[in-house]
Amino acid sequence: MTPGQFKDLLNLVEQDITKETTNMREPIDAAQCLFVTFMFLATGDSVRILAMFFRSAYCQVFTSVRFSLLIKLSDHMLCDQLLAR
């Protein structure tokens, strides 16, 4: 994946996966969430191994990022199919 493709996908899902800052902690950056999700999908490593590697709890992140990618990309592909007709 090229950096341009990563930025395109980030722009597509960033609004959905960005969390609010609270008094308790800073949220994980949207770009890092997307990157770690791609690492998870590409390597097949367990969530626990990636969480230790990145020193963070990503279990809930994977679910929200994958769901957002699925929705956004399916909408994007459907629009492309409709425009091609």
N, C-alpha and C. Protein backbone atom coordinates (compact mmCIF):
# COMPACT_ATOMS: atom_id res chain seq x y z
N MET A 1 0.85 -1.17 0.00
CA MET A 1 0.00 0.00 0.00
C MET A 1 0.90 1.24 0.00
N THR A 2 0.59 2.17 -0.86
CA THR A 2 1.37 3.39 -0.93
C THR A 2 0.90 4.38 0.15
N PRO A 3 1.74 5.35 0.51
CA PRO A 3 1.30 6.36 1.47
C PRO A 3 0.06 7.12 1.00
N GLY A 4 -0.05 7.34 -0.30
CA GLY A 4 -1.23 8.03 -0.83
C GLY A 4 -2.50 7.22 -0.64
N GLN A 5 -2.40 5.91 -0.85
CA GLN A 5 -3.56 5.04 -0.64
C GLN A 5 -3.96 5.01 0.84
N PHE A 6 -2.95 4.98 1.71
CA PHE A 6 -3.23 5.00 3.15
C PHE A 6 -3.95 6.29 3.53
N LYS A 7 -3.49 7.42 3.01
CA LYS A 7 -4.13 8.70 3.32
C LYS A 7 -5.55 8.75 2.78
N ASP A 8 -5.77 8.18 1.60
CA ASP A 8 -7.12 8.14 1.04
C ASP A 8 -8.06 7.34 1.94
N LEU A 9 -7.60 6.18 2.40
CA LEU A 9 -8.43 5.36 3.29
C LEU A 9 -8.63 6.05 4.64
N LEU A 10 -7.58 6.71 5.13
CA LEU A 10 -7.70 7.43 6.40
C LEU A 10 -8.73 8.55 6.28
N ASN A 11 -8.68 9.29 5.19
CA ASN A 11 -9.66 10.36 4.98
C ASN A 11 -11.08 9.81 4.91
N LEU A 12 -11.22 8.60 4.40
CA LEU A 12 -12.52 7.98 4.26
C LEU A 12 -13.14 7.59 5.60
N VAL A 13 -12.31 7.11 6.54
CA VAL A 13 -12.84 6.60 7.81
C VAL A 13 -12.47 7.42 9.03
N GLU A 14 -11.68 8.45 8.86
CA GLU A 14 -11.15 9.19 10.01
C GLU A 14 -12.25 9.74 10.92
N GLN A 15 -13.29 10.28 10.35
CA GLN A 15 -14.36 10.86 11.16
C GLN A 15 -15.05 9.80 12.02
N ASP A 16 -15.17 8.59 11.49
CA ASP A 16 -15.84 7.52 12.22
C ASP A 16 -14.99 6.93 13.34
N ILE A 17 -13.68 6.91 13.17
CA ILE A 17 -12.84 6.22 14.15
C ILE A 17 -12.14 7.16 15.12
N THR A 18 -12.28 8.47 14.96
CA THR A 18 -11.67 9.42 15.88
C THR A 18 -12.48 9.50 17.16
N LYS A 19 -11.82 9.34 18.28
CA LYS A 19 -12.47 9.39 19.59
C LYS A 19 -12.21 10.73 20.26
N GLU A 20 -13.04 11.07 21.23
CA GLU A 20 -12.90 12.34 21.96
C GLU A 20 -11.86 12.20 23.07
N THR A 21 -11.18 13.30 23.37
CA THR A 21 -10.26 13.34 24.48
C THR A 21 -11.06 13.47 25.78
N THR A 22 -10.69 12.70 26.79
CA THR A 22 -11.35 12.78 28.08
C THR A 22 -10.33 13.17 29.15
N ASN A 23 -10.83 13.37 30.36
CA ASN A 23 -9.93 13.69 31.48
C ASN A 23 -9.07 12.49 31.87
N MET A 24 -9.52 11.32 31.52
CA MET A 24 -8.82 10.10 31.92
C MET A 24 -7.62 9.77 31.04
N ARG A 25 -7.77 9.98 29.71
CA ARG A 25 -6.67 9.61 28.81
C ARG A 25 -6.85 10.26 27.44
N GLU A 26 -5.74 10.26 26.71
CA GLU A 26 -5.75 10.74 25.33
C GLU A 26 -6.20 9.58 24.43
N PRO A 27 -7.01 9.87 23.43
CA PRO A 27 -7.42 8.79 22.51
C PRO A 27 -6.28 8.38 21.59
N ILE A 28 -6.40 7.19 21.05
CA ILE A 28 -5.43 6.70 20.07
C ILE A 28 -5.69 7.43 18.77
N ASP A 29 -4.64 7.91 18.14
CA ASP A 29 -4.73 8.65 16.89
C ASP A 29 -5.38 7.79 15.80
N ALA A 30 -6.21 8.41 14.97
CA ALA A 30 -6.93 7.68 13.92
C ALA A 30 -5.97 7.00 12.95
N ALA A 31 -4.88 7.65 12.60
CA ALA A 31 -3.90 7.05 11.69
C ALA A 31 -3.26 5.82 12.31
N GLN A 32 -2.97 5.88 13.61
CA GLN A 32 -2.37 4.73 14.28
C GLN A 32 -3.38 3.59 14.39
N CYS A 33 -4.64 3.90 14.64
CA CYS A 33 -5.68 2.87 14.68
C CYS A 33 -5.78 2.15 13.34
N LEU A 34 -5.77 2.90 12.27
CA LEU A 34 -5.87 2.31 10.94
C LEU A 34 -4.63 1.47 10.62
N PHE A 35 -3.46 1.98 10.98
CA PHE A 35 -2.21 1.27 10.74
C PHE A 35 -2.19 -0.06 11.49
N VAL A 36 -2.54 -0.04 12.75
CA VAL A 36 -2.51 -1.26 13.55
C VAL A 36 -3.56 -2.26 13.05
N THR A 37 -4.71 -1.76 12.61
CA THR A 37 -5.72 -2.65 12.05
C THR A 37 -5.20 -3.33 10.78
N PHE A 38 -4.50 -2.59 9.93
CA PHE A 38 -3.91 -3.19 8.74
C PHE A 38 -2.83 -4.20 9.10
N MET A 39 -2.05 -3.90 10.14
CA MET A 39 -1.04 -4.86 10.61
C MET A 39 -1.72 -6.14 11.07
N PHE A 40 -2.82 -6.00 11.81
CA PHE A 40 -3.57 -7.16 12.30
C PHE A 40 -4.10 -7.99 11.14
N LEU A 41 -4.69 -7.33 10.16
CA LEU A 41 -5.27 -8.05 9.03
C LEU A 41 -4.20 -8.67 8.13
N ALA A 42 -3.07 -8.00 7.99
CA ALA A 42 -2.03 -8.47 7.07
C ALA A 42 -1.18 -9.58 7.66
N THR A 43 -0.87 -9.51 8.96
CA THR A 43 0.06 -10.47 9.54
C THR A 43 -0.62 -11.70 10.12
N GLY A 44 -1.86 -11.55 10.55
CA GLY A 44 -2.53 -12.67 11.19
C GLY A 44 -2.13 -12.84 12.64
N ASP A 45 -1.34 -11.90 13.18
CA ASP A 45 -0.98 -11.95 14.59
C ASP A 45 -2.22 -11.78 15.45
N SER A 46 -2.12 -12.21 16.69
CA SER A 46 -3.25 -12.05 17.59
C SER A 46 -3.34 -10.61 18.07
N VAL A 47 -4.50 -10.25 18.52
CA VAL A 47 -4.72 -8.90 19.05
C VAL A 47 -3.82 -8.66 20.25
N ARG A 48 -3.63 -9.68 21.07
CA ARG A 48 -2.80 -9.56 22.27
C ARG A 48 -1.35 -9.23 21.91
N ILE A 49 -0.82 -9.88 20.89
CA ILE A 49 0.57 -9.62 20.47
C ILE A 49 0.72 -8.19 19.97
N LEU A 50 -0.22 -7.75 19.14
CA LEU A 50 -0.14 -6.38 18.63
C LEU A 50 -0.34 -5.36 19.75
N ALA A 51 -1.21 -5.65 20.72
CA ALA A 51 -1.40 -4.74 21.84
C ALA A 51 -0.12 -4.62 22.66
N MET A 52 0.60 -5.71 22.85
CA MET A 52 1.88 -5.65 23.57
C MET A 52 2.91 -4.89 22.75
N PHE A 53 2.93 -5.12 21.44
CA PHE A 53 3.90 -4.47 20.57
C PHE A 53 3.70 -2.95 20.58
N PHE A 54 2.46 -2.51 20.52
CA PHE A 54 2.17 -1.08 20.49
C PHE A 54 1.89 -0.49 21.87
N ARG A 55 1.95 -1.33 22.90
CA ARG A 55 1.74 -0.90 24.28
C ARG A 55 0.41 -0.17 24.46
N SER A 56 -0.62 -0.76 23.96
CA SER A 56 -1.94 -0.15 24.07
C SER A 56 -3.00 -1.23 23.96
N ALA A 57 -4.21 -0.88 24.36
CA ALA A 57 -5.34 -1.82 24.27
C ALA A 57 -6.10 -1.54 22.99
N TYR A 58 -5.94 -2.41 22.01
CA TYR A 58 -6.54 -2.18 20.71
C TYR A 58 -7.73 -3.09 20.41
N CYS A 59 -8.17 -3.87 21.37
CA CYS A 59 -9.24 -4.83 21.10
C CYS A 59 -10.49 -4.16 20.54
N GLN A 60 -10.94 -3.07 21.14
CA GLN A 60 -12.13 -2.38 20.67
C GLN A 60 -11.85 -1.59 19.40
N VAL A 61 -10.62 -1.17 19.23
CA VAL A 61 -10.24 -0.39 18.05
C VAL A 61 -10.41 -1.21 16.79
N PHE A 62 -9.97 -2.46 16.81
CA PHE A 62 -10.06 -3.30 15.63
C PHE A 62 -11.49 -3.41 15.13
N THR A 63 -12.40 -3.63 16.05
CA THR A 63 -13.79 -3.80 15.67
C THR A 63 -14.35 -2.55 15.02
N SER A 64 -14.11 -1.39 15.63
CA SER A 64 -14.68 -0.15 15.07
C SER A 64 -14.04 0.22 13.74
N VAL A 65 -12.74 0.03 13.61
CA VAL A 65 -12.05 0.37 12.36
C VAL A 65 -12.48 -0.57 11.24
N ARG A 66 -12.54 -1.86 11.52
CA ARG A 66 -12.95 -2.81 10.49
C ARG A 66 -14.39 -2.57 10.05
N PHE A 67 -15.27 -2.27 11.00
CA PHE A 67 -16.66 -1.99 10.66
C PHE A 67 -16.76 -0.73 9.80
N SER A 68 -16.02 0.32 10.19
CA SER A 68 -16.05 1.57 9.43
C SER A 68 -15.50 1.36 8.02
N LEU A 69 -14.40 0.61 7.88
CA LEU A 69 -13.84 0.32 6.56
C LEU A 69 -14.84 -0.45 5.71
N LEU A 70 -15.49 -1.43 6.32
CA LEU A 70 -16.46 -2.23 5.59
C LEU A 70 -17.60 -1.36 5.06
N ILE A 71 -18.15 -0.51 5.90
CA ILE A 71 -19.27 0.35 5.50
C ILE A 71 -18.84 1.34 4.44
N LYS A 72 -17.75 2.05 4.69
CA LYS A 72 -17.31 3.09 3.76
C LYS A 72 -16.89 2.51 2.41
N LEU A 73 -16.14 1.42 2.43
CA LEU A 73 -15.68 0.84 1.17
C LEU A 73 -16.82 0.20 0.39
N SER A 74 -17.78 -0.41 1.09
CA SER A 74 -18.92 -0.98 0.36
C SER A 74 -19.77 0.12 -0.25
N ASP A 75 -19.94 1.25 0.46
CA ASP A 75 -20.65 2.40 -0.12
C ASP A 75 -19.89 2.94 -1.32
N HIS A 76 -18.59 3.04 -1.20
CA HIS A 76 -17.74 3.56 -2.28
C HIS A 76 -17.81 2.66 -3.50
N MET A 77 -17.74 1.36 -3.29
CA MET A 77 -17.78 0.41 -4.41
C MET A 77 -19.16 0.39 -5.05
N LEU A 78 -20.21 0.53 -4.25
CA LEU A 78 -21.56 0.57 -4.79
C LEU A 78 -21.75 1.81 -5.66
N CYS A 79 -21.23 2.94 -5.22
CA CYS A 79 -21.34 4.17 -6.03
C CYS A 79 -20.59 4.02 -7.35
N ASP A 80 -19.41 3.40 -7.30
CA ASP A 80 -18.66 3.18 -8.52
C ASP A 80 -19.42 2.28 -9.49
N GLN A 81 -20.07 1.25 -8.96
CA GLN A 81 -20.84 0.34 -9.80
C GLN A 81 -22.04 1.04 -10.43
N LEU A 82 -22.70 1.90 -9.66
CA LEU A 82 -23.85 2.63 -10.18
C LEU A 82 -23.44 3.64 -11.25
N LEU A 83 -22.28 4.28 -11.06
CA LEU A 83 -21.81 5.26 -12.03
C LEU A 83 -21.35 4.58 -13.33
N ALA A 84 -20.90 3.34 -13.22
CA ALA A 84 -20.42 2.62 -14.41
C ALA A 84 -21.57 2.18 -15.31
N ARG A 85 -22.78 2.16 -14.80
CA ARG A 85 -23.93 1.70 -15.60
C ARG A 85 -24.39 2.72 -16.57
